[in-house]
Protein backbone atom coordinates (compact mmCIF):
# COMPACT_ATOMS: atom_id res chain seq x y z
CA MET A 1 -19.97 -0.84 5.91
CA THR A 2 -20.91 -2.78 2.80
CA ALA A 3 -21.15 -6.53 2.50
CA PRO A 4 -18.16 -8.27 0.92
CA SER A 5 -18.35 -8.85 -2.78
CA HIS A 6 -18.70 -12.46 -3.89
CA ARG A 7 -17.88 -11.83 -7.52
CA LYS A 8 -15.11 -13.82 -9.07
CA LEU A 9 -11.87 -11.94 -9.57
CA ARG A 10 -10.29 -13.09 -12.78
CA THR A 11 -7.12 -11.88 -14.28
CA ARG A 12 -5.82 -12.44 -17.72
CA PRO A 13 -2.14 -13.10 -17.85
CA GLU A 14 0.04 -10.46 -19.40
CA HIS A 15 2.57 -13.21 -19.98
CA THR A 16 2.22 -16.65 -21.44
CA PHE A 17 4.74 -19.36 -20.74
CA ASP A 18 5.64 -22.37 -22.84
CA SER A 19 6.30 -24.49 -19.76
CA GLU A 20 5.83 -24.55 -16.02
CA GLU A 21 9.60 -24.22 -15.72
CA SER A 22 9.58 -20.86 -17.53
CA LEU A 23 6.69 -19.67 -15.31
CA LEU A 24 8.63 -20.63 -12.20
CA LYS A 25 11.76 -18.93 -13.50
CA LYS A 26 9.83 -15.66 -13.97
CA ALA A 27 8.18 -16.00 -10.53
CA TYR A 28 11.44 -16.74 -8.71
CA LYS A 29 13.20 -13.81 -10.41
CA THR A 30 10.33 -11.45 -9.56
CA LEU A 31 10.21 -12.51 -5.92
CA ILE A 32 13.97 -12.44 -5.40
CA ASP A 33 14.11 -8.98 -7.01
CA ALA A 34 11.37 -7.97 -4.52
CA GLY A 35 13.57 -8.98 -1.59
CA MET A 36 12.55 -12.55 -0.82
CA THR A 37 15.16 -15.25 -0.54
CA MET A 38 15.18 -18.40 -2.63
CA GLU A 39 14.59 -20.34 0.60
CA GLN A 40 11.48 -18.30 1.45
CA VAL A 41 9.99 -18.91 -1.99
CA GLN A 42 10.78 -22.62 -1.87
CA ASN A 43 9.29 -22.88 1.63
CA LEU A 44 6.03 -21.32 0.42
CA ARG A 45 5.91 -23.87 -2.41
CA GLU A 46 6.85 -26.88 -0.26
CA ARG A 47 4.42 -26.09 2.55
CA ALA A 48 1.53 -26.49 0.15
CA ASN A 49 2.30 -30.22 0.01
CA ASP A 50 2.70 -30.70 3.77
CA PRO A 51 -0.69 -31.74 5.20
CA GLY A 52 0.59 -31.30 8.76
CA PHE A 53 1.78 -27.74 8.30
CA VAL A 54 -0.18 -25.08 10.15
CA PHE A 55 -0.15 -21.70 8.44
CA ASN A 56 0.61 -18.79 10.75
CA LYS A 57 0.45 -15.02 10.23
CA GLU A 58 4.06 -14.84 9.05
CA VAL A 59 3.60 -17.46 6.34
CA VAL A 60 0.29 -16.01 5.17
CA GLY A 61 1.84 -12.53 5.16
CA GLN A 62 4.75 -13.76 3.04
CA ARG A 63 2.37 -15.44 0.61
CA ARG A 64 0.27 -12.28 0.33
CA PHE A 65 3.38 -10.16 -0.24
CA ALA A 66 4.54 -12.62 -2.90
CA THR A 67 1.07 -12.65 -4.48
CA SER A 68 1.05 -8.85 -4.73
CA GLU A 69 4.49 -8.87 -6.36
CA LEU A 70 3.46 -11.52 -8.89
CA LEU A 71 0.23 -9.66 -9.68
CA ALA A 72 2.27 -6.51 -10.27
CA ALA A 73 4.53 -8.53 -12.57
CA GLY A 74 1.50 -9.41 -14.70
CA LEU A 75 0.81 -13.00 -13.65
CA SER A 76 -2.77 -14.24 -13.46
CA ASN A 77 -4.45 -15.87 -10.48
CA ALA A 78 -4.10 -19.28 -12.15
CA GLN A 79 -0.40 -18.75 -12.81
CA ILE A 80 0.21 -17.63 -9.22
CA ALA A 81 -1.71 -20.67 -7.98
CA LYS A 82 0.67 -22.90 -9.95
CA VAL A 83 3.69 -21.14 -8.47
CA PHE A 84 2.49 -21.69 -4.89
CA LYS A 85 0.79 -25.04 -5.54
CA ALA A 86 -2.36 -23.46 -4.16
CA SER A 87 -5.92 -23.21 -5.35
CA LYS A 88 -7.10 -20.33 -7.49
CA GLN A 89 -9.55 -19.58 -4.66
CA THR A 90 -6.65 -19.06 -2.24
CA VAL A 91 -5.00 -16.64 -4.65
CA ALA A 92 -8.31 -14.83 -5.22
CA ALA A 93 -8.79 -14.52 -1.43
CA ASP A 94 -5.25 -13.14 -1.05
CA ARG A 95 -5.91 -10.72 -3.90
CA GLU A 96 -9.14 -9.55 -2.27
CA HIS A 97 -7.32 -9.05 1.04
CA ILE A 98 -4.60 -7.01 -0.68
CA ARG A 99 -7.24 -4.86 -2.41
CA ARG A 100 -9.14 -4.35 0.84
CA VAL A 101 -6.02 -3.32 2.77
CA TYR A 102 -5.10 -0.87 0.02
CA THR A 103 -8.53 0.72 -0.31
CA GLU A 104 -9.37 0.83 3.41
CA SER A 105 -6.00 1.39 5.07
CA ILE A 106 -3.62 2.97 2.58
CA LEU A 107 -5.62 4.89 0.01
CA PRO A 108 -7.48 7.17 2.49
CA TYR A 109 -4.16 8.50 3.80
CA ARG A 110 -2.47 9.08 0.49
CA ASP A 111 -1.22 12.62 -0.04
CA TRP A 112 -2.69 13.57 -3.42
CA GLU A 113 -1.07 16.98 -3.62
């Protein structure tokens, strides 16, 4: 097993937005099209401002699912951080987790034929 990489994962946005409102509109549409409800997306955003909220596996799983959908939609780490009112480091950690799950748990079992 190799040691985890500590390199910075940076993404360049495929999309630029003229306002935070247009960024949020794109993010909400992407996440609702992916099967999340408006309430789930709003809860992820609001919990970032609640200092007493304790994140559990369900909430972290929802955020990671949402992060993967927004990455697939071409948003950068910084843009995703704005959507979830989170740090870029949180998004980078979620991105690394998504990559690790894919490469260690999904990719080895893919049927290439």
